[in-house]
């Protein structure tokens, strides 16, 4: 049976979904945007600040599930502007060093006007 994951160290879901779900020895996170858990707001206005917040949110969701960035096998990344690709990669690469499979696409809009959203699939333990 799937286990729903929740931590106060990442923003609460802004819709009818969980921060992550654990099933079959894997954790599947929902996409994280740069919402600061304590304030509930997006405080950074640049891609590097938002990417840092996104990665911190994901780190905390993964920890709550019993996983970590070292166990990530797939990421999906959404950018509001593909011109931010290089700046995004600079921060992303500081957190996810194991070079998992990845998709990165530009999208028209993201929730709350975010510049970046990232979701991950990782192994447990």
PDB file of N, CA and C in Angstrom:
ATOM      1  N   UNK A   1       0.829  -1.178   0.000  1.00  0.00           N
ATOM      2  CA  UNK A   1       0.000   0.000   0.000  1.00  0.00           C
ATOM      3  C   UNK A   1       0.882   1.253   0.000  1.00  0.00           C
ATOM      4  N   UNK A   2       0.508   2.260  -0.739  1.00  0.00           N
ATOM      5  CA  UNK A   2       1.265   3.498  -0.841  1.00  0.00           C
ATOM      6  C   UNK A   2       1.164   4.303   0.447  1.00  0.00           C
ATOM      7  N   UNK A   3       2.290   4.907   0.833  1.00  0.00           N
ATOM      8  CA  UNK A   3       2.347   5.757   2.023  1.00  0.00           C
ATOM      9  C   UNK A   3       2.477   7.207   1.577  1.00  0.00           C
ATOM     10  N   UNK A   4       1.621   8.061   2.081  1.00  0.00           N
ATOM     11  CA  UNK A   4       1.680   9.491   1.779  1.00  0.00           C
ATOM     12  C   UNK A   4       2.720  10.135   2.688  1.00  0.00           C
ATOM     13  N   UNK A   5       3.530  11.018   2.132  1.00  0.00           N
ATOM     14  CA  UNK A   5       4.586  11.686   2.887  1.00  0.00           C
ATOM     15  C   UNK A   5       4.201  13.144   3.117  1.00  0.00           C
ATOM     16  N   UNK A   6       4.435  13.613   4.336  1.00  0.00           N
ATOM     17  CA  UNK A   6       4.232  15.013   4.666  1.00  0.00           C
ATOM     18  C   UNK A   6       5.315  15.465   5.638  1.00  0.00           C
ATOM     19  N   UNK A   7       5.883  16.613   5.386  1.00  0.00           N
ATOM     20  CA  UNK A   7       6.815  17.233   6.318  1.00  0.00           C
ATOM     21  C   UNK A   7       6.527  18.726   6.397  1.00  0.00           C
ATOM     22  N   UNK A   8       6.676  19.279   7.584  1.00  0.00           N
ATOM     23  CA  UNK A   8       6.530  20.726   7.763  1.00  0.00           C
ATOM     24  C   UNK A   8       7.730  21.482   7.217  1.00  0.00           C
ATOM     25  N   UNK A   9       8.803  20.750   6.856  1.00  0.00           N
ATOM     26  CA  UNK A   9      10.028  21.363   6.338  1.00  0.00           C
ATOM     27  C   UNK A   9       9.978  21.619   4.837  1.00  0.00           C
ATOM     28  N   UNK A  10       8.827  21.404   4.249  1.00  0.00           N
ATOM     29  CA  UNK A  10       8.585  21.720   2.840  1.00  0.00           C
ATOM     30  C   UNK A  10       7.184  22.298   2.770  1.00  0.00           C
ATOM     31  N   UNK A  11       6.894  23.045   1.713  1.00  0.00           N
ATOM     32  CA  UNK A  11       5.561  23.653   1.638  1.00  0.00           C
ATOM     33  C   UNK A  11       4.460  22.613   1.540  1.00  0.00           C
ATOM     34  N   UNK A  12       3.351  22.910   2.181  1.00  0.00           N
ATOM     35  CA  UNK A  12       2.184  22.042   2.058  1.00  0.00           C
ATOM     36  C   UNK A  12       1.682  22.071   0.620  1.00  0.00           C
ATOM     37  N   UNK A  13       1.040  21.012   0.214  1.00  0.00           N
ATOM     38  CA  UNK A  13       0.474  20.949  -1.133  1.00  0.00           C
ATOM     39  C   UNK A  13      -0.519  22.094  -1.325  1.00  0.00           C
ATOM     40  N   UNK A  14      -0.501  22.690  -2.516  1.00  0.00           N
ATOM     41  CA  UNK A  14      -1.440  23.778  -2.810  1.00  0.00           C
ATOM     42  C   UNK A  14      -2.634  23.265  -3.609  1.00  0.00           C
ATOM     43  N   UNK A  15      -2.832  21.962  -3.571  1.00  0.00           N
ATOM     44  CA  UNK A  15      -3.944  21.330  -4.265  1.00  0.00           C
ATOM     45  C   UNK A  15      -4.192  19.954  -3.685  1.00  0.00           C
ATOM     46  N   UNK A  16      -5.019  19.152  -4.342  1.00  0.00           N
ATOM     47  CA  UNK A  16      -5.371  17.817  -3.834  1.00  0.00           C
ATOM     48  C   UNK A  16      -4.318  16.758  -4.192  1.00  0.00           C
ATOM     49  N   UNK A  17      -3.149  16.877  -3.569  1.00  0.00           N
ATOM     50  CA  UNK A  17      -2.065  15.919  -3.800  1.00  0.00           C
ATOM     51  C   UNK A  17      -1.164  15.889  -2.572  1.00  0.00           C
ATOM     52  N   UNK A  18      -0.259  14.918  -2.540  1.00  0.00           N
ATOM     53  CA  UNK A  18       0.693  14.763  -1.437  1.00  0.00           C
ATOM     54  C   UNK A  18       2.049  15.330  -1.832  1.00  0.00           C
ATOM     55  N   UNK A  19       2.865  15.653  -0.844  1.00  0.00           N
ATOM     56  CA  UNK A  19       4.229  16.096  -1.126  1.00  0.00           C
ATOM     57  C   UNK A  19       5.007  14.982  -1.816  1.00  0.00           C
ATOM     58  N   UNK A  20       4.723  13.742  -1.425  1.00  0.00           N
ATOM     59  CA  UNK A  20       5.356  12.573  -2.028  1.00  0.00           C
ATOM     60  C   UNK A  20       4.554  11.337  -1.653  1.00  0.00           C
ATOM     61  N   UNK A  21       4.815  10.261  -2.393  1.00  0.00           N
ATOM     62  CA  UNK A  21       4.205   8.968  -2.123  1.00  0.00           C
ATOM     63  C   UNK A  21       5.308   7.914  -2.190  1.00  0.00           C
ATOM     64  N   UNK A  22       5.311   7.019  -1.209  1.00  0.00           N
ATOM     65  CA  UNK A  22       6.238   5.891  -1.203  1.00  0.00           C
ATOM     66  C   UNK A  22       5.471   4.642  -1.584  1.00  0.00           C
ATOM     67  N   UNK A  23       6.000   3.915  -2.577  1.00  0.00           N
ATOM     68  CA  UNK A  23       5.383   2.661  -3.022  1.00  0.00           C
ATOM     69  C   UNK A  23       6.452   1.798  -3.670  1.00  0.00           C
ATOM     70  N   UNK A  24       6.409   0.508  -3.378  1.00  0.00           N
ATOM     71  CA  UNK A  24       7.318  -0.431  -4.033  1.00  0.00           C
ATOM     72  C   UNK A  24       8.789  -0.102  -3.860  1.00  0.00           C
ATOM     73  N   UNK A  25       9.171   0.409  -2.702  1.00  0.00           N
ATOM     74  CA  UNK A  25      10.576   0.710  -2.440  1.00  0.00           C
ATOM     75  C   UNK A  25      11.077   1.981  -3.119  1.00  0.00           C
ATOM     76  N   UNK A  26      10.161   2.781  -3.644  1.00  0.00           N
ATOM     77  CA  UNK A  26      10.515   4.016  -4.342  1.00  0.00           C
ATOM     78  C   UNK A  26       9.736   5.177  -3.738  1.00  0.00           C
ATOM     79  N   UNK A  27      10.290   6.373  -3.854  1.00  0.00           N
ATOM     80  CA  UNK A  27       9.572   7.593  -3.474  1.00  0.00           C
ATOM     81  C   UNK A  27       9.386   8.439  -4.725  1.00  0.00           C
ATOM     82  N   UNK A  28       8.166   8.899  -4.888  1.00  0.00           N
ATOM     83  CA  UNK A  28       7.781   9.741  -6.017  1.00  0.00           C
ATOM     84  C   UNK A  28       7.359  11.086  -5.441  1.00  0.00           C
ATOM     85  N   UNK A  29       8.139  12.132  -5.711  1.00  0.00           N
ATOM     86  CA  UNK A  29       7.758  13.434  -5.169  1.00  0.00           C
ATOM     87  C   UNK A  29       6.836  14.160  -6.141  1.00  0.00           C
ATOM     88  N   UNK A  30       6.005  14.997  -5.588  1.00  0.00           N
ATOM     89  CA  UNK A  30       5.269  15.948  -6.410  1.00  0.00           C
ATOM     90  C   UNK A  30       6.248  17.040  -6.806  1.00  0.00           C
ATOM     91  N   UNK A  31       5.912  17.768  -7.841  1.00  0.00           N
ATOM     92  CA  UNK A  31       6.755  18.878  -8.244  1.00  0.00           C
ATOM     93  C   UNK A  31       6.818  19.919  -7.139  1.00  0.00           C
ATOM     94  N   UNK A  32       8.017  20.415  -6.898  1.00  0.00           N
ATOM     95  CA  UNK A  32       8.218  21.466  -5.901  1.00  0.00           C
ATOM     96  C   UNK A  32       8.536  22.767  -6.609  1.00  0.00           C
ATOM     97  N   UNK A  33       7.895  23.844  -6.150  1.00  0.00           N
ATOM     98  CA  UNK A  33       8.260  25.170  -6.592  1.00  0.00           C
ATOM     99  C   UNK A  33       8.909  25.884  -5.413  1.00  0.00           C
ATOM    100  N   UNK A  34       9.310  27.123  -5.603  1.00  0.00           N
ATOM    101  CA  UNK A  34      10.147  27.819  -4.623  1.00  0.00           C
ATOM    102  C   UNK A  34       9.369  28.443  -3.470  1.00  0.00           C
ATOM    103  N   UNK A  35       8.346  27.769  -2.991  1.00  0.00           N
ATOM    104  CA  UNK A  35       7.607  28.260  -1.832  1.00  0.00           C
ATOM    105  C   UNK A  35       8.446  28.017  -0.577  1.00  0.00           C
ATOM    106  N   UNK A  36       8.596  29.056   0.227  1.00  0.00           N
ATOM    107  CA  UNK A  36       9.318  28.946   1.498  1.00  0.00           C
ATOM    108  C   UNK A  36       8.331  28.392   2.521  1.00  0.00           C
ATOM    109  N   UNK A  37       8.632  27.239   3.150  1.00  0.00           N
ATOM    110  CA  UNK A  37       7.665  26.612   4.052  1.00  0.00           C
ATOM    111  C   UNK A  37       7.140  27.533   5.148  1.00  0.00           C
ATOM    112  N   UNK A  38       7.996  28.306   5.786  1.00  0.00           N
ATOM    113  CA  UNK A  38       7.579  29.139   6.911  1.00  0.00           C
ATOM    114  C   UNK A  38       6.617  30.257   6.494  1.00  0.00           C
ATOM    115  N   UNK A  39       6.844  30.829   5.318  1.00  0.00           N
ATOM    116  CA  UNK A  39       6.028  31.974   4.907  1.00  0.00           C
ATOM    117  C   UNK A  39       4.910  31.614   3.931  1.00  0.00           C
ATOM    118  N   UNK A  40       5.095  30.518   3.197  1.00  0.00           N
ATOM    119  CA  UNK A  40       4.112  30.138   2.188  1.00  0.00           C
ATOM    120  C   UNK A  40       4.199  30.976   0.930  1.00  0.00           C
ATOM    121  N   UNK A  41       5.281  31.749   0.805  1.00  0.00           N
ATOM    122  CA  UNK A  41       5.458  32.626  -0.346  1.00  0.00           C
ATOM    123  C   UNK A  41       6.685  32.246  -1.160  1.00  0.00           C
ATOM    124  N   UNK A  42       6.709  32.688  -2.399  1.00  0.00           N
ATOM    125  CA  UNK A  42       7.922  32.624  -3.210  1.00  0.00           C
ATOM    126  C   UNK A  42       8.663  33.931  -2.946  1.00  0.00           C
ATOM    127  N   UNK A  43       9.815  33.841  -2.307  1.00  0.00           N
ATOM    128  CA  UNK A  43      10.534  35.056  -1.920  1.00  0.00           C
ATOM    129  C   UNK A  43      11.653  35.414  -2.881  1.00  0.00           C
ATOM    130  N   UNK A  44      12.280  34.440  -3.533  1.00  0.00           N
ATOM    131  CA  UNK A  44      13.355  34.724  -4.483  1.00  0.00           C
ATOM    132  C   UNK A  44      12.754  35.114  -5.825  1.00  0.00           C
ATOM    133  N   UNK A  45      13.346  36.087  -6.462  1.00  0.00           N
ATOM    134  CA  UNK A  45      12.816  36.540  -7.747  1.00  0.00           C
ATOM    135  C   UNK A  45      13.669  36.105  -8.933  1.00  0.00           C
ATOM    136  N   UNK A  46      14.819  35.458  -8.661  1.00  0.00           N
ATOM    137  CA  UNK A  46      15.692  35.022  -9.744  1.00  0.00           C
ATOM    138  C   UNK A  46      15.739  33.496  -9.809  1.00  0.00           C
ATOM    139  N   UNK A  47      16.192  32.973 -10.929  1.00  0.00           N
ATOM    140  CA  UNK A  47      16.195  31.518 -11.145  1.00  0.00           C
ATOM    141  C   UNK A  47      17.111  30.799 -10.153  1.00  0.00           C
ATOM    142  N   UNK A  48      18.242  31.375  -9.814  1.00  0.00           N
ATOM    143  CA  UNK A  48      19.145  30.686  -8.893  1.00  0.00           C
ATOM    144  C   UNK A  48      18.561  30.629  -7.483  1.00  0.00           C
ATOM    145  N   UNK A  49      17.964  31.710  -7.022  1.00  0.00           N
ATOM    146  CA  UNK A  49      17.328  31.696  -5.707  1.00  0.00           C
ATOM    147  C   UNK A  49      16.158  30.743  -5.655  1.00  0.00           C
ATOM    148  N   UNK A  50      15.346  30.743  -6.715  1.00  0.00           N
ATOM    149  CA  UNK A  50      14.205  29.822  -6.743  1.00  0.00           C
ATOM    150  C   UNK A  50      14.667  28.378  -6.847  1.00  0.00           C
ATOM    151  N   UNK A  51      15.681  28.116  -7.646  1.00  0.00           N
ATOM    152  CA  UNK A  51      16.181  26.739  -7.766  1.00  0.00           C
ATOM    153  C   UNK A  51      16.722  26.253  -6.428  1.00  0.00           C
ATOM    154  N   UNK A  52      17.426  27.103  -5.717  1.00  0.00           N
ATOM    155  CA  UNK A  52      17.944  26.731  -4.399  1.00  0.00           C
ATOM    156  C   UNK A  52      16.799  26.358  -3.466  1.00  0.00           C
ATOM    157  N   UNK A  53      15.740  27.158  -3.435  1.00  0.00           N
ATOM    158  CA  UNK A  53      14.598  26.853  -2.568  1.00  0.00           C
ATOM    159  C   UNK A  53      13.917  25.557  -2.979  1.00  0.00           C
ATOM    160  N   UNK A  54      13.752  25.346  -4.281  1.00  0.00           N
ATOM    161  CA  UNK A  54      13.154  24.104  -4.787  1.00  0.00           C
ATOM    162  C   UNK A  54      13.967  22.904  -4.325  1.00  0.00           C
ATOM    163  N   UNK A  55      15.276  22.982  -4.456  1.00  0.00           N
ATOM    164  CA  UNK A  55      16.123  21.845  -4.093  1.00  0.00           C
ATOM    165  C   UNK A  55      16.111  21.612  -2.579  1.00  0.00           C
ATOM    166  N   UNK A  56      16.045  22.665  -1.794  1.00  0.00           N
ATOM    167  CA  UNK A  56      15.926  22.508  -0.339  1.00  0.00           C
ATOM    168  C   UNK A  56      14.590  21.847   0.011  1.00  0.00           C
ATOM    169  N   UNK A  57      13.521  22.257  -0.656  1.00  0.00           N
ATOM    170  CA  UNK A  57      12.217  21.630  -0.421  1.00  0.00           C
ATOM    171  C   UNK A  57      12.272  20.144  -0.763  1.00  0.00           C
ATOM    172  N   UNK A  58      12.858  19.816  -1.906  1.00  0.00           N
ATOM    173  CA  UNK A  58      12.966  18.406  -2.304  1.00  0.00           C
ATOM    174  C   UNK A  58      13.832  17.617  -1.332  1.00  0.00           C
ATOM    175  N   UNK A  59      14.940  18.198  -0.889  1.00  0.00           N
ATOM    176  CA  UNK A  59      15.816  17.525   0.083  1.00  0.00           C
ATOM    177  C   UNK A  59      15.020  17.155   1.330  1.00  0.00           C
ATOM    178  N   UNK A  60      14.176  18.071   1.789  1.00  0.00           N
ATOM    179  CA  UNK A  60      13.392  17.822   3.004  1.00  0.00           C
ATOM    180  C   UNK A  60      12.285  16.795   2.781  1.00  0.00           C
ATOM    181  N   UNK A  61      11.656  16.806   1.627  1.00  0.00           N
ATOM    182  CA  UNK A  61      10.642  15.792   1.312  1.00  0.00           C
ATOM    183  C   UNK A  61      11.297  14.418   1.213  1.00  0.00           C
ATOM    184  N   UNK A  62      12.435  14.345   0.534  1.00  0.00           N
ATOM    185  CA  UNK A  62      13.144  13.066   0.424  1.00  0.00           C
ATOM    186  C   UNK A  62      13.557  12.555   1.803  1.00  0.00           C
ATOM    187  N   UNK A  63      14.065  13.422   2.664  1.00  0.00           N
ATOM    188  CA  UNK A  63      14.466  13.013   4.021  1.00  0.00           C
ATOM    189  C   UNK A  63      13.271  12.474   4.798  1.00  0.00           C
ATOM    190  N   UNK A  64      12.128  13.125   4.667  1.00  0.00           N
ATOM    191  CA  UNK A  64      10.920  12.674   5.376  1.00  0.00           C
ATOM    192  C   UNK A  64      10.464  11.305   4.892  1.00  0.00           C
ATOM    193  N   UNK A  65      10.809  10.959   3.672  1.00  0.00           N
ATOM    194  CA  UNK A  65      10.414   9.664   3.115  1.00  0.00           C
ATOM    195  C   UNK A  65      11.429   8.563   3.398  1.00  0.00           C
ATOM    196  N   UNK A  66      12.606   8.951   3.896  1.00  0.00           N
ATOM    197  CA  UNK A  66      13.662   7.969   4.136  1.00  0.00           C
ATOM    198  C   UNK A  66      14.622   7.844   2.974  1.00  0.00           C
ATOM    199  N   UNK A  67      14.682   8.853   2.130  1.00  0.00           N
ATOM    200  CA  UNK A  67      15.578   8.829   0.976  1.00  0.00           C
ATOM    201  C   UNK A  67      16.437  10.091   0.980  1.00  0.00           C
ATOM    202  N   UNK A  68      17.175  10.288  -0.113  1.00  0.00           N
ATOM    203  CA  UNK A  68      18.053  11.452  -0.234  1.00  0.00           C
ATOM    204  C   UNK A  68      18.394  11.671  -1.702  1.00  0.00           C
ATOM    205  N   UNK A  69      19.070  12.774  -1.977  1.00  0.00           N
ATOM    206  CA  UNK A  69      19.486  13.052  -3.354  1.00  0.00           C
ATOM    207  C   UNK A  69      20.409  11.964  -3.910  1.00  0.00           C
ATOM    208  N   UNK A  70      21.160  11.286  -3.044  1.00  0.00           N
ATOM    209  CA  UNK A  70      22.049  10.207  -3.498  1.00  0.00           C
ATOM    210  C   UNK A  70      21.278   9.035  -4.093  1.00  0.00           C
ATOM    211  N   UNK A  71      20.006   8.926  -3.777  1.00  0.00           N
ATOM    212  CA  UNK A  71      19.181   7.804  -4.234  1.00  0.00           C
ATOM    213  C   UNK A  71      18.294   8.165  -5.428  1.00  0.00           C
ATOM    214  N   UNK A  72      18.396   9.389  -5.929  1.00  0.00           N
ATOM    215  CA  UNK A  72      17.548   9.837  -7.035  1.00  0.00           C
ATOM    216  C   UNK A  72      17.941   9.116  -8.321  1.00  0.00           C
ATOM    217  N   UNK A  73      16.920   8.593  -9.021  1.00  0.00           N
ATOM    218  CA  UNK A  73      17.182   7.907 -10.288  1.00  0.00           C
ATOM    219  C   UNK A  73      16.594   8.646 -11.487  1.00  0.00           C
ATOM    220  N   UNK A  74      15.653   9.586 -11.249  1.00  0.00           N
ATOM    221  CA  UNK A  74      15.030  10.320 -12.357  1.00  0.00           C
ATOM    222  C   UNK A  74      14.516  11.649 -11.842  1.00  0.00           C
ATOM    223  N   UNK A  75      14.764  12.706 -12.603  1.00  0.00           N
ATOM    224  CA  UNK A  75      14.183  14.006 -12.289  1.00  0.00           C
ATOM    225  C   UNK A  75      13.444  14.528 -13.518  1.00  0.00           C
ATOM    226  N   UNK A  76      12.437  15.319 -13.257  1.00  0.00           N
ATOM    227  CA  UNK A  76      11.746  16.056 -14.307  1.00  0.00           C
ATOM    228  C   UNK A  76      11.749  17.509 -13.883  1.00  0.00           C
ATOM    229  N   UNK A  77      12.261  18.363 -14.767  1.00  0.00           N
ATOM    230  CA  UNK A  77      12.461  19.773 -14.454  1.00  0.00           C
ATOM    231  C   UNK A  77      11.679  20.625 -15.446  1.00  0.00           C
ATOM    232  N   UNK A  78      11.016  21.634 -14.913  1.00  0.00           N
ATOM    233  CA  UNK A  78      10.212  22.541 -15.728  1.00  0.00           C
ATOM    234  C   UNK A  78      10.735  23.960 -15.520  1.00  0.00           C
ATOM    235  N   UNK A  79      11.035  24.648 -16.607  1.00  0.00           N
ATOM    236  CA  UNK A  79      11.509  26.022 -16.547  1.00  0.00           C
ATOM    237  C   UNK A  79      10.519  26.933 -17.251  1.00  0.00           C
ATOM    238  N   UNK A  80      10.249  28.087 -16.667  1.00  0.00           N
ATOM    239  CA  UNK A  80       9.371  29.051 -17.313  1.00  0.00           C
ATOM    240  C   UNK A  80      10.061  29.705 -18.504  1.00  0.00           C
ATOM    241  N   UNK A  81      11.401  29.685 -18.510  1.00  0.00           N
ATOM    242  CA  UNK A  81      12.180  30.282 -19.594  1.00  0.00           C
ATOM    243  C   UNK A  81      13.411  29.422 -19.842  1.00  0.00           C
ATOM    244  N   UNK A  82      13.514  28.813 -21.001  1.00  0.00           N
ATOM    245  CA  UNK A  82      14.642  27.919 -21.307  1.00  0.00           C
ATOM    246  C   UNK A  82      15.967  28.678 -21.286  1.00  0.00           C
ATOM    247  N   UNK A  83      15.926  29.994 -21.386  1.00  0.00           N
ATOM    248  CA  UNK A  83      17.159  30.782 -21.287  1.00  0.00           C
ATOM    249  C   UNK A  83      17.781  30.665 -19.892  1.00  0.00           C
ATOM    250  N   UNK A  84      17.009  30.206 -18.906  1.00  0.00           N
ATOM    251  CA  UNK A  84      17.515  29.999 -17.543  1.00  0.00           C
ATOM    252  C   UNK A  84      18.203  28.647 -17.363  1.00  0.00           C
ATOM    253  N   UNK A  85      18.303  27.864 -18.426  1.00  0.00           N
ATOM    254  CA  UNK A  85      18.834  26.496 -18.351  1.00  0.00           C
ATOM    255  C   UNK A  85      20.214  26.440 -17.680  1.00  0.00           C
ATOM    256  N   UNK A  86      21.143  27.278 -18.099  1.00  0.00           N
ATOM    257  CA  UNK A  86      22.497  27.255 -17.546  1.00  0.00           C
ATOM    258  C   UNK A  86      22.525  27.618 -16.073  1.00  0.00           C
ATOM    259  N   UNK A  87      21.831  28.679 -15.703  1.00  0.00           N
ATOM    260  CA  UNK A  87      21.791  29.104 -14.301  1.00  0.00           C
ATOM    261  C   UNK A  87      21.108  28.053 -13.431  1.00  0.00           C
ATOM    262  N   UNK A  88      20.053  27.435 -13.962  1.00  0.00           N
ATOM    263  CA  UNK A  88      19.370  26.347 -13.254  1.00  0.00           C
ATOM    264  C   UNK A  88      20.335  25.187 -13.026  1.00  0.00           C
ATOM    265  N   UNK A  89      21.041  24.768 -14.080  1.00  0.00           N
ATOM    266  CA  UNK A  89      21.964  23.638 -13.974  1.00  0.00           C
ATOM    267  C   UNK A  89      23.052  23.872 -12.935  1.00  0.00           C
ATOM    268  N   UNK A  90      23.508  25.109 -12.824  1.00  0.00           N
ATOM    269  CA  UNK A  90      24.562  25.440 -11.868  1.00  0.00           C
ATOM    270  C   UNK A  90      24.138  25.084 -10.442  1.00  0.00           C
ATOM    271  N   UNK A  91      22.914  25.425 -10.069  1.00  0.00           N
ATOM    272  CA  UNK A  91      22.410  25.117  -8.722  1.00  0.00           C
ATOM    273  C   UNK A  91      22.000  23.653  -8.612  1.00  0.00           C
ATOM    274  N   UNK A  92      21.259  23.151  -9.586  1.00  0.00           N
ATOM    275  CA  UNK A  92      20.813  21.752  -9.605  1.00  0.00           C
ATOM    276  C   UNK A  92      22.005  20.807  -9.392  1.00  0.00           C
ATOM    277  N   UNK A  93      23.103  21.063 -10.093  1.00  0.00           N
ATOM    278  CA  UNK A  93      24.286  20.201 -10.025  1.00  0.00           C
ATOM    279  C   UNK A  93      24.986  20.197  -8.679  1.00  0.00           C
ATOM    280  N   UNK A  94      24.731  21.187  -7.852  1.00  0.00           N
ATOM    281  CA  UNK A  94      25.295  21.200  -6.499  1.00  0.00           C
ATOM    282  C   UNK A  94      24.538  20.254  -5.570  1.00  0.00           C
ATOM    283  N   UNK A  95      23.284  19.986  -5.890  1.00  0.00           N
ATOM    284  CA  UNK A  95      22.441  19.122  -5.056  1.00  0.00           C
ATOM    285  C   UNK A  95      22.398  17.689  -5.580  1.00  0.00           C
ATOM    286  N   UNK A  96      22.240  17.538  -6.870  1.00  0.00           N
ATOM    287  CA  UNK A  96      22.111  16.204  -7.458  1.00  0.00           C
ATOM    288  C   UNK A  96      23.378  15.919  -8.245  1.00  0.00           C
ATOM    289  N   UNK A  97      24.256  15.154  -7.616  1.00  0.00           N
ATOM    290  CA  UNK A  97      25.583  14.924  -8.183  1.00  0.00           C
ATOM    291  C   UNK A  97      25.724  13.559  -8.849  1.00  0.00           C
ATOM    292  N   UNK A  98      24.754  12.661  -8.649  1.00  0.00           N
ATOM    293  CA  UNK A  98      24.863  11.306  -9.163  1.00  0.00           C
ATOM    294  C   UNK A  98      24.472  11.139 -10.620  1.00  0.00           C
ATOM    295  N   UNK A  99      24.109  12.224 -11.278  1.00  0.00           N
ATOM    296  CA  UNK A  99      23.737  12.217 -12.689  1.00  0.00           C
ATOM    297  C   UNK A  99      22.640  11.199 -13.024  1.00  0.00           C
ATOM    298  N   UNK A 100      21.471  11.341 -12.384  1.00  0.00           N
ATOM    299  CA  UNK A 100      20.344  10.457 -12.716  1.00  0.00           C
ATOM    300  C   UNK A 100      19.789  10.809 -14.092  1.00  0.00           C
ATOM    301  N   UNK A 101      18.877  10.004 -14.583  1.00  0.00           N
ATOM    302  CA  UNK A 101      18.155  10.345 -15.809  1.00  0.00           C
ATOM    303  C   UNK A 101      17.378  11.630 -15.544  1.00  0.00           C
ATOM    304  N   UNK A 102      17.200  12.445 -16.600  1.00  0.00           N
ATOM    305  CA  UNK A 102      16.521  13.729 -16.384  1.00  0.00           C
ATOM    306  C   UNK A 102      15.848  14.198 -17.658  1.00  0.00           C
ATOM    307  N   UNK A 103      14.704  14.829 -17.475  1.00  0.00           N
ATOM    308  CA  UNK A 103      14.042  15.586 -18.535  1.00  0.00           C
ATOM    309  C   UNK A 103      13.983  17.022 -18.055  1.00  0.00           C
ATOM    310  N   UNK A 104      14.192  17.976 -18.951  1.00  0.00           N
ATOM    311  CA  UNK A 104      14.097  19.391 -18.605  1.00  0.00           C
ATOM    312  C   UNK A 104      13.432  20.098 -19.775  1.00  0.00           C
ATOM    313  N   UNK A 105      12.289  20.702 -19.500  1.00  0.00           N
ATOM    314  CA  UNK A 105      11.529  21.349 -20.560  1.00  0.00           C
ATOM    315  C   UNK A 105      11.106  22.756 -20.142  1.00  0.00           C
ATOM    316  N   UNK A 106      10.895  23.599 -21.126  1.00  0.00           N
ATOM    317  CA  UNK A 106      10.324  24.917 -20.885  1.00  0.00           C
ATOM    318  C   UNK A 106       8.813  24.795 -21.011  1.00  0.00           C
ATOM    319  N   UNK A 107       8.123  25.485 -20.134  1.00  0.00           N
ATOM    320  CA  UNK A 107       6.660  25.473 -20.126  1.00  0.00           C
ATOM    321  C   UNK A 107       6.150  26.910 -20.161  1.00  0.00           C
ATOM    322  N   UNK A 108       4.915  27.069 -20.529  1.00  0.00           N
ATOM    323  CA  UNK A 108       4.350  28.412 -20.646  1.00  0.00           C
ATOM    324  C   UNK A 108       4.232  29.098 -19.289  1.00  0.00           C
ATOM    325  N   UNK A 109       3.684  28.408 -18.306  1.00  0.00           N
ATOM    326  CA  UNK A 109       3.471  28.968 -16.973  1.00  0.00           C
ATOM    327  C   UNK A 109       3.639  27.887 -15.924  1.00  0.00           C
ATOM    328  N   UNK A 110       4.012  28.324 -14.714  1.00  0.00           N
ATOM    329  CA  UNK A 110       4.087  27.441 -13.556  1.00  0.00           C
ATOM    330  C   UNK A 110       3.215  28.036 -12.446  1.00  0.00           C
ATOM    331  N   UNK A 111       2.778  27.213 -11.486  1.00  0.00           N
ATOM    332  CA  UNK A 111       1.937  27.726 -10.402  1.00  0.00           C
ATOM    333  C   UNK A 111       2.592  28.906  -9.675  1.00  0.00           C
ATOM    334  N   UNK A 112       1.769  29.849  -9.262  1.00  0.00           N
ATOM    335  CA  UNK A 112       2.191  31.006  -8.472  1.00  0.00           C
ATOM    336  C   UNK A 112       3.259  31.857  -9.158  1.00  0.00           C
ATOM    337  N   UNK A 113       3.373  31.738 -10.485  1.00  0.00           N
ATOM    338  CA  UNK A 113       4.362  32.530 -11.214  1.00  0.00           C
ATOM    339  C   UNK A 113       5.787  32.064 -11.013  1.00  0.00           C
ATOM    340  N   UNK A 114       5.972  30.824 -10.536  1.00  0.00           N
ATOM    341  CA  UNK A 114       7.309  30.284 -10.294  1.00  0.00           C
ATOM    342  C   UNK A 114       8.107  30.230 -11.593  1.00  0.00           C
ATOM    343  N   UNK A 115       9.427  30.272 -11.449  1.00  0.00           N
ATOM    344  CA  UNK A 115      10.335  30.173 -12.587  1.00  0.00           C
ATOM    345  C   UNK A 115      10.790  28.746 -12.844  1.00  0.00           C
ATOM    346  N   UNK A 116      10.669  27.869 -11.814  1.00  0.00           N
ATOM    347  CA  UNK A 116      11.165  26.501 -11.916  1.00  0.00           C
ATOM    348  C   UNK A 116      10.330  25.571 -11.047  1.00  0.00           C
ATOM    349  N   UNK A 117      10.172  24.337 -11.522  1.00  0.00           N
ATOM    350  CA  UNK A 117       9.539  23.270 -10.755  1.00  0.00           C
ATOM    351  C   UNK A 117      10.317  21.993 -11.029  1.00  0.00           C
ATOM    352  N   UNK A 118      10.545  21.194  -9.987  1.00  0.00           N
ATOM    353  CA  UNK A 118      11.302  19.944 -10.131  1.00  0.00           C
ATOM    354  C   UNK A 118      10.580  18.848  -9.352  1.00  0.00           C
ATOM    355  N   UNK A 119      10.506  17.651  -9.954  1.00  0.00           N
ATOM    356  CA  UNK A 119      10.006  16.458  -9.267  1.00  0.00           C
ATOM    357  C   UNK A 119      11.061  15.365  -9.408  1.00  0.00           C
ATOM    358  N   UNK A 120      11.093  14.444  -8.451  1.00  0.00           N
ATOM    359  CA  UNK A 120      12.090  13.378  -8.482  1.00  0.00           C
ATOM    360  C   UNK A 120      11.463  12.021  -8.178  1.00  0.00           C
ATOM    361  N   UNK A 121      12.128  10.997  -8.660  1.00  0.00           N
ATOM    362  CA  UNK A 121      11.850   9.612  -8.289  1.00  0.00           C
ATOM    363  C   UNK A 121      13.154   9.088  -7.681  1.00  0.00           C
ATOM    364  N   UNK A 122      13.051   8.493  -6.499  1.00  0.00           N
ATOM    365  CA  UNK A 122      14.249   8.011  -5.811  1.00  0.00           C
ATOM    366  C   UNK A 122      13.986   6.672  -5.139  1.00  0.00           C
ATOM    367  N   UNK A 123      15.063   5.957  -4.926  1.00  0.00           N
ATOM    368  CA  UNK A 123      14.999   4.717  -4.160  1.00  0.00           C
ATOM    369  C   UNK A 123      14.963   5.046  -2.672  1.00  0.00           C
ATOM    370  N   UNK A 124      14.431   4.144  -1.889  1.00  0.00           N
ATOM    371  CA  UNK A 124      14.449   4.314  -0.433  1.00  0.00           C
ATOM    372  C   UNK A 124      15.750   3.796   0.142  1.00  0.00           C
ATOM    373  N   UNK A 125      16.023   4.246   1.364  1.00  0.00           N
ATOM    374  CA  UNK A 125      17.158   3.737   2.124  1.00  0.00           C
ATOM    375  C   UNK A 125      18.456   3.992   1.499  1.00  0.00           C
TER     376      UNK A 125
END
